[in-house]
Amino acid sequence: MKQQVALRLTPEQASREENYKKFAARKMKVSPSKITGVRVHRRSIDARQKQVMVQLHVDVWINEKPEPVNPKTFHWPDVSNAPEVIVVGAGPGGLFAALKLVESGLKPIILERGKEVSDRKKDIALLNRNEQLDEDSNYAFGEGGAGTFSDGKLYTRSKKRGDFKNFLEILHFHGASEDVLIDSHPHIGTDRLPGVIQNIRKTITLAGGVFQFNSKVVDLILRGDEIEGVITADGSRITAEAVILATGHSARDIYYLLNDKGIELEAKTWAMGVRVEHPQELIDQIQYHSPEGRGQFLPAASYSFSHQVEGRGVYSFCMCPGGFIVPAMTSADEMVVNGMSPSKRNSPFANSGMVVEMRPEDVPDFENLGPIAGLKYQQEIERLCFLNGGQGVIAPAQRLVDFVDGCLSFDLPDCSYVPGTVSAPLHFILPEHITTRLQEGFLQFGKWAKGFLDEEAIILGTESRTSSPVRIPRDKISLEHIRIRRLYPCGEGAGYAGGIASSALDGERCAEKVAQAVKQK
């Protein structure tokens, strides 16, 4: 007989699997000798009380042999000679759209402006040394998209839990740790995610799909209100049954292209602010309610804050425990930062975006510029931070307490940002409506988390690529653009998702709609 049991254990108790049988037997009121197997299928940490607990959901077998562990396997058909569909962008939205196309019997042609992941690593190494920026191969662009060199968080608001489970199983099949199938807040880690991405590419190419790297789309082939294909920077004209546009939130040139062609866009809400960093030990002490921090048995602590200030949300974004701050700009005259964590989350620092909700009406000249106003405003702030930073990608920075008090920092604490920092008055550089809301938000977060407003905390500017200020409108049922037939906006680039999981699931949905349309043709 198999039963599911919930166990609530201390971190030390949960650290030893041999304890699970004893506590399961106690919970079920049976002799431990009758339990023939215990297997964890869900794990989470409850740090709401002073005593931090680990919540385990386990399968327990009594007087029978446990079921064997059989990870789900996948088999994709050969689509070498199948009808072709163009996928623009090899981020999570594009990759999972391509996998779904293969599953549906269609051949994906993936066009990626950047490089494959191993070559992309070399460009990122140069960027971290403040040597040069490749505008098509960096932390935002290249195989795997912006999520490749990130914490690899796998969170989604999708209501379709079966789809999400299948998404996790695909990642596990391609090399992600079994932990992604168990943890309530799964993550892969920046050190492991590139290998997973390469394995997904291998699956697609073995099935007959095609990847073209260094293939930046610069124009669309239109016939009336129907798209027939795309034109790349080298002049190649590529046609197909449909085009899935999965370009990511930083591909501003695509939005400008659509706008110039009179293809409908919509302004949307997004967020901008700074990235804040603390010693990880301090965050552990705050979140685990202990001067000893996380101790031997707990992972690096994370946090999530949200507050309303003057009618706008102020909140933490993409919190990276045990992580690093990285340069995430896509142009040499911009300053953009982001965060990432390795799988072990073992850096001595914890960082998070701290951002303010931006609505279209908050943007100057919105009435004249229309939907692209937010893009131009975003660029303007990034360029201001670049001008107030150091040479190259050295970031403008300020002690958190000085930012809240509105004064310049005469020196700066240690920081994980490898290219380096220079003291700058971010409270003055950022627009007043962002600064004042951030200041009020930080004060409130400091009340909720005693010690958060610490002298060793630092902020860097600017955290501006939380999502795009623009949405590409699409039909709610067909997922085609509202006017251009056979054009399927997808994922963060379309303004319909956030993060790796949401973009991937959106890519799958778009691919399903494409397959239905092609078969009905």
Protein backbone atom coordinates (compact mmCIF):
# COMPACT_ATOMS: atom_id res chain seq x y z
CA MET A 1 0.00 0.00 0.00
CA LYS A 2 1.23 3.48 -0.87
CA GLN A 3 0.19 6.59 1.03
CA GLN A 4 1.12 10.25 0.81
CA VAL A 5 2.20 11.85 4.07
CA ALA A 6 3.16 15.42 5.01
CA LEU A 7 6.15 15.72 7.34
CA ARG A 8 7.22 18.85 9.16
CA LEU A 9 10.84 18.54 10.27
CA THR A 10 13.60 20.74 11.58
CA PRO A 11 16.34 21.50 9.04
CA GLU A 12 18.69 19.08 10.81
CA GLN A 13 16.09 16.31 10.83
CA ALA A 14 15.34 16.90 7.16
CA SER A 15 19.03 16.77 6.23
CA ARG A 16 19.18 12.97 6.79
CA GLU A 17 16.94 10.79 4.65
CA GLU A 18 17.15 7.96 7.14
CA ASN A 19 14.98 10.07 9.44
CA TYR A 20 12.06 10.10 7.02
CA LYS A 21 10.97 6.54 7.78
CA LYS A 22 10.95 7.16 11.52
CA PHE A 23 8.87 10.34 11.29
CA ALA A 24 6.55 8.89 8.66
CA ALA A 25 5.91 5.87 10.90
CA ARG A 26 5.15 8.16 13.82
CA LYS A 27 2.76 10.22 11.70
CA MET A 28 1.00 7.13 10.34
CA LYS A 29 1.07 5.32 13.69
CA VAL A 30 2.69 2.19 12.28
CA SER A 31 5.89 0.35 13.08
CA PRO A 32 8.92 1.60 11.12
CA SER A 33 9.61 -2.03 10.21
CA LYS A 34 6.45 -2.08 8.09
CA ILE A 35 7.63 0.85 5.94
CA THR A 36 9.48 -0.45 2.93
CA GLY A 37 10.20 2.84 1.23
CA VAL A 38 9.89 6.64 1.49
CA ARG A 39 10.33 9.02 -1.41
CA VAL A 40 10.08 12.84 -1.36
CA HIS A 41 7.92 14.40 -4.09
CA ARG A 42 7.60 17.96 -2.71
CA ARG A 43 9.88 20.07 -0.50
CA SER A 44 9.56 23.60 0.87
CA ILE A 45 10.89 25.74 3.72
CA ASP A 46 8.61 27.51 6.20
CA ALA A 47 10.47 30.43 7.78
CA ARG A 48 7.42 32.32 9.03
CA GLN A 49 8.05 31.41 12.66
CA LYS A 50 11.18 31.66 14.79
CA GLN A 51 11.76 27.93 14.40
CA VAL A 52 12.35 27.36 10.70
CA MET A 53 10.85 24.11 9.46
CA VAL A 54 11.15 21.98 6.34
CA GLN A 55 7.87 20.76 4.89
CA LEU A 56 8.11 17.44 3.04
CA HIS A 57 5.41 15.64 1.10
CA VAL A 58 6.47 12.02 0.77
CA ASP A 59 5.18 8.79 -0.72
CA VAL A 60 5.30 5.96 1.82
CA TRP A 61 5.11 2.27 0.94
CA ILE A 62 3.88 -0.18 3.58
CA ASN A 63 4.56 -3.90 3.29
CA GLU A 64 5.19 -3.76 -0.45
CA LYS A 65 8.04 -3.07 -2.80
CA PRO A 66 8.38 0.65 -3.69
CA GLU A 67 7.68 1.62 -7.27
CA PRO A 68 10.91 2.05 -9.26
CA VAL A 69 12.10 5.54 -10.06
CA ASN A 70 11.36 6.00 -13.75
CA PRO A 71 12.06 9.55 -14.87
CA LYS A 72 9.83 10.60 -17.72
CA THR A 73 11.39 10.16 -21.13
CA PHE A 74 10.53 11.98 -24.34
CA HIS A 75 10.63 11.01 -27.98
CA TRP A 76 10.40 13.58 -30.75
CA PRO A 77 9.60 12.59 -34.37
CA ASP A 78 11.79 13.21 -37.40
CA VAL A 79 10.62 16.46 -39.01
CA SER A 80 13.43 16.87 -41.52
CA ASN A 81 11.01 17.01 -44.44
CA ALA A 82 8.04 18.54 -42.65
CA PRO A 83 6.48 21.99 -43.28
CA GLU A 84 8.70 24.73 -41.86
CA VAL A 85 7.96 27.37 -39.22
CA ILE A 86 10.33 30.24 -38.42
CA VAL A 87 11.08 30.85 -34.73
CA VAL A 88 12.79 34.18 -34.12
CA GLY A 89 14.80 33.95 -30.90
CA ALA A 90 16.39 31.02 -29.05
CA GLY A 91 15.34 31.99 -25.54
CA PRO A 92 13.02 29.82 -23.43
CA GLY A 93 9.97 30.92 -25.43
CA GLY A 94 11.62 30.09 -28.74
CA LEU A 95 13.21 26.82 -27.62
CA PHE A 96 10.04 25.40 -26.13
CA ALA A 97 8.04 26.60 -29.12
CA ALA A 98 10.51 24.69 -31.30
CA LEU A 99 10.17 21.53 -29.18
CA LYS A 100 6.38 21.72 -29.41
CA LEU A 101 6.57 22.27 -33.19
CA VAL A 102 8.67 19.12 -33.52
CA GLU A 103 6.23 17.21 -31.33
CA SER A 104 3.44 18.44 -33.62
CA GLY A 105 5.22 17.28 -36.77
CA LEU A 106 6.55 20.65 -37.96
CA LYS A 107 10.14 21.68 -38.71
CA PRO A 108 11.37 24.72 -36.74
CA ILE A 109 13.91 27.10 -38.26
CA ILE A 110 15.32 28.94 -35.23
CA LEU A 111 16.94 32.27 -36.03
CA GLU A 112 19.05 33.67 -33.19
CA ARG A 113 20.80 37.04 -33.47
CA GLY A 114 23.48 35.97 -30.99
CA LYS A 115 25.91 33.08 -30.70
CA GLU A 116 25.58 29.54 -29.42
CA VAL A 117 26.12 29.26 -25.71
CA SER A 118 29.80 28.26 -25.58
CA ASP A 119 30.88 31.19 -27.79
CA ARG A 120 28.51 33.45 -25.87
CA LYS A 121 30.41 32.62 -22.67
CA LYS A 122 33.57 34.10 -24.20
CA ASP A 123 31.83 37.37 -24.99
CA ILE A 124 30.41 37.55 -21.48
CA ALA A 125 33.89 36.95 -20.02
CA LEU A 126 35.18 39.95 -22.00
CA LEU A 127 32.25 42.05 -20.79
CA ASN A 128 32.93 41.14 -17.16
CA ARG A 129 36.53 42.25 -17.66
CA ASN A 130 35.18 45.56 -18.98
CA GLU A 131 36.92 44.98 -22.30
CA GLN A 132 34.17 45.08 -24.91
CA LEU A 133 30.45 44.61 -25.49
CA ASP A 134 29.12 42.55 -28.38
CA GLU A 135 25.66 44.04 -28.94
CA ASP A 136 24.29 40.71 -30.24
CA SER A 137 26.09 38.35 -27.83
CA ASN A 138 25.87 39.27 -24.16
CA TYR A 139 23.80 38.57 -21.03
CA ALA A 140 20.57 39.38 -22.91
CA PHE A 141 21.16 37.99 -26.41
CA GLY A 142 22.38 34.58 -27.55
CA GLU A 143 21.37 30.94 -27.21
CA GLY A 144 19.06 30.47 -24.24
CA GLY A 145 18.17 34.16 -24.01
CA ALA A 146 18.48 36.34 -20.92
CA GLY A 147 17.71 33.40 -18.62
CA THR A 148 20.77 31.34 -19.58
CA PHE A 149 23.14 33.26 -17.33
CA SER A 150 20.73 33.86 -14.48
CA ASP A 151 19.53 32.09 -11.39
CA GLY A 152 17.43 29.84 -13.58
CA LYS A 153 14.31 30.33 -11.48
CA LEU A 154 11.42 28.19 -12.65
CA TYR A 155 8.36 30.04 -11.44
CA THR A 156 5.10 30.69 -13.26
CA ARG A 157 1.64 32.04 -12.52
CA SER A 158 0.18 29.59 -15.02
CA LYS A 159 -2.96 27.86 -13.79
CA LYS A 160 -2.17 24.77 -15.89
CA ARG A 161 -0.10 22.78 -13.41
CA GLY A 162 0.14 19.80 -15.76
CA ASP A 163 1.85 21.97 -18.37
CA PHE A 164 4.26 23.26 -15.73
CA LYS A 165 5.07 19.75 -14.52
CA ASN A 166 5.75 18.65 -18.09
CA PHE A 167 8.01 21.71 -18.55
CA LEU A 168 10.04 20.71 -15.47
CA GLU A 169 10.26 17.12 -16.69
CA ILE A 170 11.60 18.29 -20.06
CA LEU A 171 14.31 20.29 -18.26
CA HIS A 172 15.16 17.28 -16.08
CA PHE A 173 15.32 15.08 -19.18
CA HIS A 174 17.85 17.52 -20.65
CA GLY A 175 20.11 17.60 -17.61
CA ALA A 176 18.55 19.67 -14.84
CA SER A 177 18.88 18.28 -11.32
CA GLU A 178 16.09 16.11 -9.91
CA ASP A 179 15.59 18.91 -7.36
CA VAL A 180 13.60 20.87 -9.96
CA LEU A 181 10.91 18.18 -9.74
CA ILE A 182 10.75 18.39 -5.95
CA ASP A 183 11.42 21.93 -4.71
CA SER A 184 8.49 24.31 -4.34
CA HIS A 185 10.67 27.12 -5.74
CA PRO A 186 12.91 25.25 -8.21
CA HIS A 187 15.96 26.75 -9.84
CA ILE A 188 18.73 25.36 -12.03
CA GLY A 189 21.62 27.78 -11.55
CA THR A 190 23.73 29.73 -14.01
CA ASP A 191 26.47 27.08 -13.96
CA ARG A 192 24.12 24.27 -15.07
CA LEU A 193 21.62 26.01 -17.32
CA PRO A 194 23.94 26.42 -20.35
CA GLY A 195 24.39 22.63 -20.52
CA VAL A 196 20.64 22.11 -20.38
CA ILE A 197 20.18 24.63 -23.21
CA GLN A 198 22.77 22.84 -25.36
CA ASN A 199 21.00 19.52 -24.80
CA ILE A 200 17.67 21.03 -25.89
CA ARG A 201 19.34 22.29 -29.06
CA LYS A 202 20.70 18.80 -29.68
CA THR A 203 17.21 17.30 -29.33
CA ILE A 204 15.78 19.78 -31.84
CA THR A 205 18.56 19.32 -34.39
CA LEU A 206 18.50 15.52 -34.13
CA ALA A 207 14.80 15.69 -34.95
CA GLY A 208 15.52 17.76 -38.05
CA GLY A 209 15.10 21.28 -36.74
CA VAL A 210 17.59 23.95 -37.81
CA PHE A 211 19.44 26.59 -35.78
CA GLN A 212 20.95 29.62 -37.46
CA PHE A 213 23.07 31.68 -35.08
CA ASN A 214 24.35 35.19 -35.86
CA SER A 215 21.09 35.59 -37.81
CA LYS A 216 19.55 38.89 -36.79
CA VAL A 217 16.12 39.55 -38.27
CA VAL A 218 16.01 43.04 -39.76
CA ASP A 219 12.80 42.98 -41.80
CA LEU A 220 9.57 41.08 -42.38
CA ILE A 221 8.29 39.71 -45.69
CA LEU A 222 4.67 40.82 -45.86
CA ARG A 223 1.98 40.34 -48.46
CA GLY A 224 -0.88 42.56 -47.44
CA ASP A 225 -1.90 41.57 -43.93
CA GLU A 226 -0.06 38.25 -44.01
CA ILE A 227 3.54 37.44 -43.12
CA GLU A 228 5.43 35.10 -45.42
CA GLY A 229 8.85 35.17 -43.79
CA VAL A 230 11.74 37.33 -42.62
CA ILE A 231 14.92 38.95 -43.90
CA THR A 232 18.16 38.63 -41.91
CA ALA A 233 21.05 41.08 -41.63
CA ASP A 234 23.07 39.24 -44.30
CA GLY A 235 20.23 39.71 -46.81
CA SER A 236 18.84 36.17 -46.63
CA ARG A 237 15.11 35.83 -47.30
CA ILE A 238 13.57 32.96 -45.36
CA THR A 239 9.96 31.94 -45.89
CA ALA A 240 7.81 29.51 -43.95
CA GLU A 241 4.27 28.51 -43.00
CA ALA A 242 4.29 30.89 -40.00
CA VAL A 243 6.56 33.07 -37.89
CA ILE A 244 6.78 32.80 -34.10
CA LEU A 245 8.28 36.00 -32.73
CA ALA A 246 10.08 35.11 -29.47
CA THR A 247 12.66 37.88 -29.39
CA GLY A 248 12.73 38.72 -25.65
CA HIS A 249 12.17 41.97 -23.81
CA SER A 250 15.44 43.62 -24.89
CA ALA A 251 15.04 43.38 -28.69
CA ARG A 252 13.98 47.00 -29.09
CA ASP A 253 14.88 46.99 -32.77
CA ILE A 254 12.05 44.53 -33.41
CA TYR A 255 9.52 46.83 -31.75
CA TYR A 256 10.81 49.79 -33.74
CA LEU A 257 10.62 47.69 -36.92
CA LEU A 258 7.00 46.76 -36.25
CA ASN A 259 6.13 50.36 -35.39
CA ASP A 260 7.78 51.68 -38.55
CA LYS A 261 5.77 49.21 -40.62
CA GLY A 262 2.53 50.32 -39.01
CA ILE A 263 2.04 46.98 -37.27
CA GLU A 264 -0.01 47.48 -34.13
CA LEU A 265 1.74 47.69 -30.74
CA GLU A 266 0.41 48.47 -27.27
CA ALA A 267 2.03 50.33 -24.39
CA LYS A 268 1.98 48.30 -21.16
CA THR A 269 2.99 48.47 -17.54
CA TRP A 270 6.58 47.58 -16.65
CA ALA A 271 9.02 48.49 -13.87
CA MET A 272 12.36 50.25 -13.33
CA GLY A 273 14.66 50.83 -10.40
CA VAL A 274 17.95 49.58 -9.00
CA ARG A 275 19.61 46.35 -7.91
CA VAL A 276 20.34 46.11 -4.20
CA GLU A 277 22.95 43.83 -2.65
CA HIS A 278 23.55 42.71 0.95
CA PRO A 279 25.93 40.25 2.56
CA GLN A 280 24.14 36.89 2.28
CA GLU A 281 24.86 36.22 5.94
CA LEU A 282 22.80 39.27 6.89
CA ILE A 283 19.83 38.12 4.78
CA ASP A 284 20.13 34.66 6.37
CA GLN A 285 20.05 36.21 9.83
CA ILE A 286 17.01 38.32 8.97
CA GLN A 287 14.98 35.67 7.20
CA TYR A 288 15.82 32.77 9.50
CA HIS A 289 15.40 34.87 12.67
CA SER A 290 18.77 33.81 14.02
CA PRO A 291 22.11 35.55 14.71
CA GLU A 292 23.74 32.33 13.45
CA GLY A 293 22.17 32.74 10.04
CA ARG A 294 21.30 29.65 8.04
CA GLY A 295 23.62 27.31 9.89
CA GLN A 296 24.63 23.96 8.46
CA PHE A 297 21.33 22.66 7.12
CA LEU A 298 19.47 25.52 5.44
CA PRO A 299 19.99 27.03 1.97
CA ALA A 300 20.87 30.65 1.34
CA ALA A 301 17.80 32.68 2.28
CA SER A 302 15.76 34.72 -0.16
CA TYR A 303 13.13 37.40 0.33
CA SER A 304 10.17 38.94 -1.45
CA PHE A 305 8.87 42.43 -0.66
CA SER A 306 6.04 44.47 -2.10
CA HIS A 307 4.53 47.79 -1.06
CA GLN A 308 2.24 50.44 -2.54
CA VAL A 309 3.64 53.98 -2.63
CA GLU A 310 1.61 56.83 -4.12
CA GLY A 311 -0.48 54.51 -6.25
CA ARG A 312 2.42 52.47 -7.69
CA GLY A 313 3.85 49.13 -6.67
CA VAL A 314 7.38 49.01 -5.27
CA TYR A 315 8.70 45.48 -5.10
CA SER A 316 11.65 43.12 -5.19
CA PHE A 317 12.29 41.37 -8.48
CA CYS A 318 14.44 38.38 -9.46
CA MET A 319 15.98 37.93 -6.01
CA CYS A 320 19.28 36.01 -6.26
CA PRO A 321 20.49 34.45 -3.00
CA GLY A 322 24.17 33.57 -2.98
CA GLY A 323 24.52 35.35 -6.31
CA PHE A 324 26.25 38.01 -8.37
CA ILE A 325 25.29 41.26 -10.07
CA VAL A 326 26.13 41.29 -13.78
CA PRO A 327 26.22 43.85 -16.63
CA ALA A 328 23.08 43.32 -18.76
CA MET A 329 23.22 46.17 -21.27
CA THR A 330 22.77 45.55 -25.00
CA SER A 331 24.32 48.77 -26.27
CA ALA A 332 27.64 50.43 -25.46
CA ASP A 333 25.97 53.65 -24.27
CA GLU A 334 23.65 52.00 -21.71
CA MET A 335 24.04 50.92 -18.10
CA VAL A 336 21.85 47.97 -17.11
CA VAL A 337 22.41 45.47 -14.31
CA ASN A 338 20.82 42.13 -13.50
CA GLY A 339 21.39 39.28 -11.06
CA MET A 340 22.27 35.59 -11.26
CA SER A 341 23.09 32.70 -8.93
CA PRO A 342 25.01 29.44 -9.38
CA SER A 343 23.23 26.20 -8.51
CA LYS A 344 24.81 26.05 -5.04
CA ARG A 345 24.02 29.71 -4.35
CA ASN A 346 27.31 29.95 -2.53
CA SER A 347 28.37 33.53 -3.19
CA PRO A 348 28.77 35.66 -0.03
CA PHE A 349 26.29 38.17 -1.49
CA ALA A 350 22.52 38.35 -1.99
CA ASN A 351 21.04 40.69 -4.58
CA SER A 352 17.63 41.64 -5.91
CA GLY A 353 16.05 44.10 -8.25
CA MET A 354 14.09 46.79 -6.40
CA VAL A 355 11.74 48.40 -8.86
CA VAL A 356 8.84 50.79 -9.20
CA GLU A 357 5.79 50.07 -11.32
CA MET A 358 5.69 52.22 -14.46
CA ARG A 359 2.47 52.87 -16.34
CA PRO A 360 2.22 54.38 -19.82
CA GLU A 361 0.83 57.63 -18.42
CA ASP A 362 3.97 57.99 -16.26
CA VAL A 363 6.13 58.40 -19.37
CA PRO A 364 6.84 61.91 -20.65
CA ASP A 365 5.57 62.62 -24.16
CA PHE A 366 3.48 59.44 -24.21
CA GLU A 367 0.68 61.21 -26.06
CA ASN A 368 3.01 62.11 -28.94
CA LEU A 369 5.21 59.01 -29.10
CA GLY A 370 2.51 56.41 -28.53
CA PRO A 371 3.40 52.81 -27.67
CA ILE A 372 7.17 53.24 -28.16
CA ALA A 373 7.35 56.04 -25.58
CA GLY A 374 8.26 53.60 -22.81
CA LEU A 375 11.11 52.13 -24.87
CA LYS A 376 12.63 55.56 -25.43
CA TYR A 377 12.20 56.49 -21.76
CA GLN A 378 13.81 53.22 -20.67
CA GLN A 379 16.79 53.95 -22.94
CA GLU A 380 17.04 57.51 -21.65
CA ILE A 381 17.38 56.36 -18.02
CA GLU A 382 19.90 53.67 -18.97
CA ARG A 383 22.00 56.27 -20.79
CA LEU A 384 21.86 58.63 -17.81
CA CYS A 385 23.22 55.86 -15.60
CA PHE A 386 25.90 55.10 -18.19
CA LEU A 387 27.01 58.76 -18.22
CA ASN A 388 27.19 58.73 -14.42
CA GLY A 389 29.06 55.45 -14.20
CA GLY A 390 32.74 54.83 -14.72
CA GLN A 391 34.57 53.95 -17.90
CA GLY A 392 32.92 51.17 -19.92
CA VAL A 393 30.55 49.07 -17.83
CA ILE A 394 31.64 50.32 -14.40
CA ALA A 395 28.31 50.88 -12.66
CA PRO A 396 27.09 53.92 -10.71
CA ALA A 397 26.49 52.85 -7.12
CA GLN A 398 25.51 54.16 -3.71
CA ARG A 399 25.18 52.84 -0.19
CA LEU A 400 21.54 51.94 0.41
CA VAL A 401 21.28 54.11 3.51
CA ASP A 402 22.73 57.08 1.63
CA PHE A 403 20.20 56.63 -1.17
CA VAL A 404 17.35 56.62 1.36
CA ASP A 405 18.80 59.72 3.07
CA GLY A 406 19.46 61.46 -0.26
CA CYS A 407 23.20 61.97 0.15
CA LEU A 408 26.32 60.96 -1.77
CA SER A 409 28.34 57.93 -0.64
CA PHE A 410 31.97 58.88 0.01
CA ASP A 411 33.01 55.24 -0.20
CA LEU A 412 31.37 51.98 -1.22
CA PRO A 413 31.23 48.54 0.40
CA ASP A 414 32.45 45.35 -1.26
CA CYS A 415 30.24 44.20 -4.10
CA SER A 416 29.88 41.15 -6.35
CA TYR A 417 29.77 43.24 -9.54
CA VAL A 418 33.02 42.21 -11.23
CA PRO A 419 33.57 45.15 -13.65
CA GLY A 420 33.55 47.57 -10.70
CA THR A 421 31.51 50.44 -9.27
CA VAL A 422 31.86 54.19 -8.85
CA SER A 423 30.05 56.35 -6.30
CA ALA A 424 27.19 58.30 -7.86
CA PRO A 425 24.08 60.08 -6.51
CA LEU A 426 21.47 57.65 -7.84
CA HIS A 427 18.82 59.43 -5.79
CA PHE A 428 19.42 62.44 -8.04
CA ILE A 429 20.13 60.63 -11.33
CA LEU A 430 16.94 58.56 -11.37
CA PRO A 431 13.63 60.33 -12.08
CA GLU A 432 12.05 61.78 -8.96
CA HIS A 433 8.91 59.63 -9.20
CA ILE A 434 11.12 56.50 -9.09
CA THR A 435 13.52 57.78 -6.43
CA THR A 436 10.89 58.92 -3.92
CA ARG A 437 8.91 55.70 -4.23
CA LEU A 438 12.03 53.57 -3.86
CA GLN A 439 13.07 55.54 -0.78
CA GLU A 440 9.67 55.02 0.84
CA GLY A 441 9.69 51.36 -0.17
CA PHE A 442 13.13 50.75 1.33
CA LEU A 443 12.03 52.40 4.59
CA GLN A 444 9.03 50.07 4.76
CA PHE A 445 11.10 46.99 3.93
CA GLY A 446 13.50 48.00 6.70
CA LYS A 447 10.58 47.98 9.16
CA TRP A 448 9.48 44.53 8.06
CA ALA A 449 13.00 43.08 7.98
CA LYS A 450 15.08 44.54 10.82
CA GLY A 451 18.62 45.11 9.58
CA PHE A 452 17.72 45.44 5.89
CA LEU A 453 18.80 49.11 5.90
CA ASP A 454 22.38 48.14 6.59
CA GLU A 455 25.56 50.18 6.06
CA GLU A 456 27.03 47.35 3.97
CA ALA A 457 24.08 47.26 1.57
CA ILE A 458 24.73 48.79 -1.86
CA ILE A 459 22.54 49.70 -4.82
CA LEU A 460 23.57 49.77 -8.49
CA GLY A 461 21.77 51.42 -11.38
CA THR A 462 19.86 50.61 -13.31
CA GLU A 463 17.51 47.63 -13.11
CA SER A 464 15.35 48.39 -16.13
CA ARG A 465 14.76 45.17 -18.08
CA THR A 466 12.17 43.58 -15.80
CA SER A 467 9.90 43.34 -18.85
CA SER A 468 9.19 45.31 -21.99
CA PRO A 469 7.18 48.55 -21.95
CA VAL A 470 5.51 47.27 -25.14
CA ARG A 471 3.11 44.45 -25.96
CA ILE A 472 2.49 43.01 -29.43
CA PRO A 473 -1.29 42.51 -29.41
CA ARG A 474 -2.61 39.12 -30.45
CA ASP A 475 -5.95 37.36 -30.73
CA LYS A 476 -6.88 35.70 -27.45
CA ILE A 477 -7.90 32.45 -29.11
CA SER A 478 -5.68 32.01 -32.17
CA LEU A 479 -2.65 33.82 -30.60
CA GLU A 480 -1.97 35.39 -34.00
CA HIS A 481 -1.27 39.10 -34.20
CA ILE A 482 -4.58 40.93 -34.23
CA ARG A 483 -4.10 41.90 -37.90
CA ILE A 484 -1.06 40.19 -39.41
CA ARG A 485 -1.98 36.59 -40.18
CA ARG A 486 0.55 33.80 -39.51
CA LEU A 487 2.53 36.07 -37.12
CA TYR A 488 2.58 34.69 -33.56
CA PRO A 489 4.07 36.99 -30.89
CA CYS A 490 5.39 34.88 -28.03
CA GLY A 491 6.78 35.11 -24.49
CA GLU A 492 8.42 38.13 -22.92
CA GLY A 493 9.18 39.65 -26.29
CA ALA A 494 5.47 39.81 -26.95
CA GLY A 495 4.69 41.12 -23.48
CA TYR A 496 2.72 38.03 -22.45
CA ALA A 497 5.01 36.32 -19.95
CA GLY A 498 7.64 36.81 -17.29
CA GLY A 499 10.59 34.58 -16.58
CA ILE A 500 11.86 31.30 -17.97
CA ALA A 501 8.87 29.12 -17.16
CA SER A 502 6.14 31.53 -18.25
CA SER A 503 7.91 32.30 -21.52
CA ALA A 504 8.50 28.61 -22.22
CA LEU A 505 4.86 27.71 -21.58
CA ASP A 506 3.72 30.60 -23.76
CA GLY A 507 6.02 29.34 -26.51
CA GLU A 508 4.41 25.93 -26.30
CA ARG A 509 0.92 27.43 -26.54
CA CYS A 510 1.87 29.47 -29.60
CA ALA A 511 3.38 26.42 -31.28
CA GLU A 512 0.21 24.42 -30.63
CA LYS A 513 -1.85 27.15 -32.33
CA VAL A 514 0.56 27.23 -35.27
CA ALA A 515 0.26 23.46 -35.67
CA GLN A 516 -3.53 23.67 -35.66
CA ALA A 517 -3.49 26.44 -38.27
CA VAL A 518 -1.03 24.63 -40.56
CA LYS A 519 -3.03 21.41 -40.43
CA GLN A 520 -6.25 23.26 -41.27
CA LYS A 521 -4.64 25.05 -44.20
